[in-house]
C-alpha cells in the first residue's frame, strides 16, 4: 500500500523531499516520508486549538499582528493537516516574495514559527565582495517551531537589512555574530541549530518578528533609507513614489 501511495502522490513526495531535507535532516528517510503521508491522509485528528488560515501575502508594518508577541504552538496540533498546510503556506509566500526568511506573524498568524532558506540563486545577484564581506552563504530550508535563542558570540556586526513587511526601505542593523537555537521541526521533533554571520543575522531577524519587533527597533536611525526594488512592477513604483 505504501508503494502504491508513493506512486499516486508523487507531487507530495517531491515536496516532502525538500521539506524533510530542510528540517535539519540531511536525507529523506522512509520514516519521515511515512510520517508526512500519514499526516496528509489520516481520517481525523484533534485540532485544538485551531490554526486559522493565514494571509496569502506578507502583511505590512501597521498591522497589529506584527507588534504582538507570538503564541507558542501547541505540540498537539503540529501533526495535524491544518498546521502542516500552514507550514507549506509560509514557505509558498516566502518564495513568492523572494525572501530568505519569513515568520508566521508576517502572514497574519501569531504563532512561534518561522522558516528560512538561503539559496545560491538568491545570492547570485549580490556582488562577490559584499558576499565575502558579510560572509553570506547558502543554507537549506529549515523550519523552527517554538524556537528559543542563545547568543553564543555577542560580538556585534552591523550590516544592511530589509524586510518583506517594510518594503522599499533598508537600514544598518547591529546583530550578534553567532547564535544557537533550540526548536521543534515541522514534525514536532526537537533539534539544536547553530549559525554565524549572515545566516545568524537572518535567524535573529525572524526571531525578532516572533517577539513583536522589527529591524527598525534595532537599526541605526540615520541609516534608514528608501530604495526601489529591482523586481517591483512599474505600477507599484508609481504608487511608492507618491
Protein backbone atom coordinates (compact mmCIF):
# COMPACT_ATOMS: atom_id res chain seq x y z
CA UNK A 1 0.00 0.00 0.00
CA UNK A 2 2.86 2.39 0.80
CA UNK A 3 4.45 1.76 -2.61
CA UNK A 4 1.12 2.48 -4.32
CA UNK A 5 0.68 5.67 -2.28
CA UNK A 6 4.18 6.81 -3.25
CA UNK A 7 3.39 6.32 -6.93
CA UNK A 8 -0.01 8.04 -6.69
CA UNK A 9 1.25 11.06 -4.75
CA UNK A 10 4.50 11.98 -6.46
CA UNK A 11 3.91 15.73 -6.01
CA UNK A 12 3.54 15.27 -2.27
CA UNK A 13 6.68 13.17 -2.14
CA UNK A 14 8.74 15.69 -4.10
CA UNK A 15 7.57 18.40 -1.68
CA UNK A 16 8.35 16.13 1.23
CA UNK A 17 11.88 15.56 -0.06
CA UNK A 18 12.55 19.28 0.13
CA UNK A 19 10.78 19.83 3.44
CA UNK A 20 12.35 16.90 5.25
CA UNK A 21 15.76 17.72 3.85
CA UNK A 22 15.50 21.20 5.28
CA UNK A 23 14.13 20.34 8.70
CA UNK A 24 17.67 19.68 9.90
CA UNK A 25 17.52 16.22 8.29
CA UNK A 26 20.18 15.72 5.65
CA UNK A 27 18.47 12.95 3.70
CA UNK A 28 14.95 11.71 3.06
CA UNK A 29 14.15 8.79 5.34
CA UNK A 30 11.36 6.30 4.89
CA UNK A 31 10.19 7.10 8.43
CA UNK A 32 9.86 10.83 7.69
CA UNK A 33 8.09 10.20 4.38
CA UNK A 34 5.63 7.82 6.02
CA UNK A 35 5.01 10.38 8.77
CA UNK A 36 4.16 13.20 6.36
CA UNK A 37 1.88 10.96 4.26
CA UNK A 38 0.07 9.80 7.41
CA UNK A 39 -0.49 13.45 8.41
CA UNK A 40 -1.88 14.33 4.99
CA UNK A 41 -4.28 11.41 4.73
CA UNK A 42 -5.33 10.50 8.25
CA UNK A 43 -9.10 10.48 8.69
CA UNK A 44 -9.42 12.65 11.77
CA UNK A 45 -7.07 14.30 14.26
CA UNK A 46 -7.95 16.56 17.19
CA UNK A 47 -7.18 20.16 16.21
CA UNK A 48 -7.42 22.15 19.41
CA UNK A 49 -6.56 24.96 19.36
CA UNK A 50 -7.44 25.65 15.72
CA UNK A 51 -4.84 27.16 13.42
CA UNK A 52 -6.56 29.89 11.43
CA UNK A 53 -5.77 30.25 7.75
CA UNK A 54 -3.03 32.88 7.22
CA UNK A 55 -2.77 35.56 4.57
CA UNK A 56 -1.63 34.79 1.03
CA UNK A 57 0.80 37.69 1.11
CA UNK A 58 3.12 39.46 3.54
CA UNK A 59 1.34 41.92 5.81
CA UNK A 60 2.90 45.36 6.17
CA UNK A 61 4.00 47.47 9.09
CA UNK A 62 0.94 48.90 10.81
CA UNK A 63 -0.79 45.53 11.03
CA UNK A 64 -1.23 44.82 14.77
CA UNK A 65 -0.13 41.19 14.39
CA UNK A 66 3.43 42.38 13.71
CA UNK A 67 3.60 44.05 17.12
CA UNK A 68 2.29 41.17 19.23
CA UNK A 69 4.45 38.55 20.90
CA UNK A 70 3.55 35.37 19.05
CA UNK A 71 1.94 32.50 20.94
CA UNK A 72 3.59 29.14 21.46
CA UNK A 73 2.45 26.39 19.12
CA UNK A 74 0.58 23.65 20.98
CA UNK A 75 2.57 20.44 20.28
CA UNK A 76 -0.78 18.64 19.90
CA UNK A 77 -1.53 20.45 16.65
CA UNK A 78 1.87 20.12 14.95
CA UNK A 79 1.00 16.85 13.23
CA UNK A 80 -2.43 17.99 12.11
CA UNK A 81 -3.13 18.54 8.45
CA UNK A 82 -4.18 22.12 9.17
CA UNK A 83 -0.84 23.02 10.75
CA UNK A 84 1.13 21.28 8.01
CA UNK A 85 -0.78 23.29 5.40
CA UNK A 86 0.11 26.44 7.34
CA UNK A 87 3.79 25.48 7.20
CA UNK A 88 3.51 24.93 3.44
CA UNK A 89 1.73 28.29 3.06
CA UNK A 90 4.54 30.03 4.93
CA UNK A 91 7.09 28.58 2.53
CA UNK A 92 4.97 29.39 -0.53
CA UNK A 93 4.64 33.05 0.44
CA UNK A 94 8.33 33.27 1.34
CA UNK A 95 9.34 32.03 -2.11
CA UNK A 96 6.76 34.18 -3.91
CA UNK A 97 8.34 37.29 -2.39
CA UNK A 98 11.92 36.14 -2.87
CA UNK A 99 12.58 36.29 0.87
CA UNK A 100 15.26 34.26 2.65
CA UNK A 101 13.24 34.08 5.86
CA UNK A 102 9.63 34.54 6.94
CA UNK A 103 7.85 34.40 10.28
CA UNK A 104 4.25 33.34 10.86
CA UNK A 105 3.17 36.82 12.09
CA UNK A 106 4.12 38.17 8.66
CA UNK A 107 1.32 36.13 7.11
CA UNK A 108 -1.12 37.14 9.83
CA UNK A 109 -0.63 34.21 12.16
CA UNK A 110 0.54 34.95 15.71
CA UNK A 111 2.46 31.71 16.26
CA UNK A 112 6.05 30.95 17.23
CA UNK A 113 7.04 29.65 13.81
CA UNK A 114 9.45 30.80 11.13
CA UNK A 115 11.20 29.42 8.08
CA UNK A 116 14.45 30.33 6.40
CA UNK A 117 16.21 29.29 3.22
CA UNK A 118 19.20 30.96 1.62
CA UNK A 119 19.71 29.62 -1.89
CA UNK A 120 22.59 30.20 -4.28
CA UNK A 121 20.03 31.74 -6.62
CA UNK A 122 19.08 34.34 -4.01
CA UNK A 123 22.76 35.22 -3.59
CA UNK A 124 23.63 35.24 -7.29
CA UNK A 125 22.83 38.93 -7.82
CA UNK A 126 24.91 40.06 -4.86
CA UNK A 127 28.38 41.35 -5.64
CA UNK A 128 31.11 38.84 -4.64
CA UNK A 129 32.81 41.46 -2.48
CA UNK A 130 29.63 42.01 -0.45
CA UNK A 131 29.08 38.26 -0.13
CA UNK A 132 32.61 37.84 1.16
CA UNK A 133 32.49 40.84 3.48
CA UNK A 134 29.13 39.85 5.01
CA UNK A 135 30.04 36.15 4.91
CA UNK A 136 26.87 35.23 3.04
CA UNK A 137 26.41 31.52 2.47
CA UNK A 138 23.57 29.34 1.24
CA UNK A 139 21.54 27.42 3.80
CA UNK A 140 18.89 24.72 3.32
CA UNK A 141 15.24 25.31 4.10
CA UNK A 142 14.68 24.91 7.84
CA UNK A 143 11.52 25.34 9.91
CA UNK A 144 11.65 26.50 13.53
CA UNK A 145 8.66 25.87 15.82
CA UNK A 146 8.68 27.39 19.34
CA UNK A 147 12.33 28.48 19.00
CA UNK A 148 14.47 29.79 21.83
CA UNK A 149 17.72 31.58 21.04
CA UNK A 150 21.02 31.86 22.86
CA UNK A 151 23.75 34.34 21.93
CA UNK A 152 26.98 32.36 21.53
CA UNK A 153 29.25 35.17 20.33
CA UNK A 154 27.99 38.63 21.39
CA UNK A 155 30.43 40.49 19.14
CA UNK A 156 28.35 42.99 17.16
CA UNK A 157 28.39 43.15 13.37
CA UNK A 158 26.41 45.83 11.53
CA UNK A 159 25.01 45.17 8.07
CA UNK A 160 22.09 46.45 5.97
CA UNK A 161 18.74 44.69 6.34
CA UNK A 162 15.44 44.83 4.50
CA UNK A 163 12.10 43.30 5.44
CA UNK A 164 9.14 42.00 3.48
CA UNK A 165 6.85 43.76 5.95
CA UNK A 166 8.52 47.11 5.30
CA UNK A 167 9.08 47.23 1.57
CA UNK A 168 11.29 49.80 -0.15
CA UNK A 169 13.42 50.59 2.90
CA UNK A 170 16.66 49.34 4.42
CA UNK A 171 18.92 50.25 7.33
CA UNK A 172 22.12 49.23 9.09
CA UNK A 173 21.27 46.87 11.93
CA UNK A 174 23.63 45.59 14.63
CA UNK A 175 23.41 41.85 15.31
CA UNK A 176 25.31 39.26 17.32
CA UNK A 177 27.91 37.25 15.39
CA UNK A 178 26.81 33.76 16.43
CA UNK A 179 23.63 32.24 17.86
CA UNK A 180 22.27 28.88 18.89
CA UNK A 181 18.58 28.00 18.57
CA UNK A 182 16.64 25.15 20.12
CA UNK A 183 13.32 24.41 18.43
CA UNK A 184 10.96 21.78 17.09
CA UNK A 185 10.96 20.93 13.39
CA UNK A 186 7.77 20.66 11.35
CA UNK A 187 7.17 17.16 12.73
CA UNK A 188 7.46 18.27 16.36
CA UNK A 189 10.92 16.76 16.80
CA UNK A 190 13.43 18.79 18.88
CA UNK A 191 16.73 19.92 17.37
CA UNK A 192 19.55 22.34 18.09
CA UNK A 193 20.85 24.65 15.38
CA UNK A 194 23.84 26.99 15.31
CA UNK A 195 24.84 29.72 12.87
CA UNK A 196 27.31 32.55 12.38
CA UNK A 197 27.47 35.80 10.46
CA UNK A 198 24.81 36.37 7.77
CA UNK A 199 22.89 33.17 8.47
CA UNK A 200 22.77 34.11 12.16
CA UNK A 201 21.56 37.58 11.14
CA UNK A 202 18.63 36.15 9.19
CA UNK A 203 17.66 33.97 12.16
CA UNK A 204 17.84 36.92 14.59
CA UNK A 205 15.69 39.00 12.23
CA UNK A 206 12.99 36.30 12.20
CA UNK A 207 13.23 35.72 15.96
CA UNK A 208 12.51 39.43 16.43
CA UNK A 209 9.27 39.04 14.47
CA UNK A 210 8.15 36.39 16.97
CA UNK A 211 8.65 38.93 19.77
CA UNK A 212 6.67 41.68 18.03
CA UNK A 213 9.83 43.51 16.97
CA UNK A 214 11.08 44.76 13.60
CA UNK A 215 14.53 45.77 12.45
CA UNK A 216 13.51 49.42 12.82
CA UNK A 217 13.59 48.84 16.60
CA UNK A 218 17.29 47.96 16.41
CA UNK A 219 18.59 49.94 13.43
CA UNK A 220 20.88 52.95 13.43
CA UNK A 221 18.20 55.63 12.78
CA UNK A 222 20.28 57.78 10.42
CA UNK A 223 20.97 54.79 8.17
CA UNK A 224 17.28 54.32 7.30
CA UNK A 225 16.95 54.76 3.53
CA UNK A 226 14.37 54.38 0.76
CA UNK A 227 15.01 52.30 -2.36
CA UNK A 228 13.05 50.89 -5.29
CA UNK A 229 13.38 47.08 -5.56
CA UNK A 230 14.54 45.90 -8.98
CA UNK A 231 11.69 43.38 -9.11
CA UNK A 232 8.97 45.93 -8.39
CA UNK A 233 6.27 46.33 -11.06
CA UNK A 234 6.04 49.75 -12.76
CA UNK A 235 2.61 50.45 -11.23
CA UNK A 236 3.98 49.64 -7.79
CA UNK A 237 6.87 52.06 -8.39
CA UNK A 238 4.40 54.81 -9.27
CA UNK A 239 2.48 54.19 -6.04
CA UNK A 240 5.66 54.02 -3.96
CA UNK A 241 6.82 57.35 -5.37
CA UNK A 242 3.76 59.17 -4.06
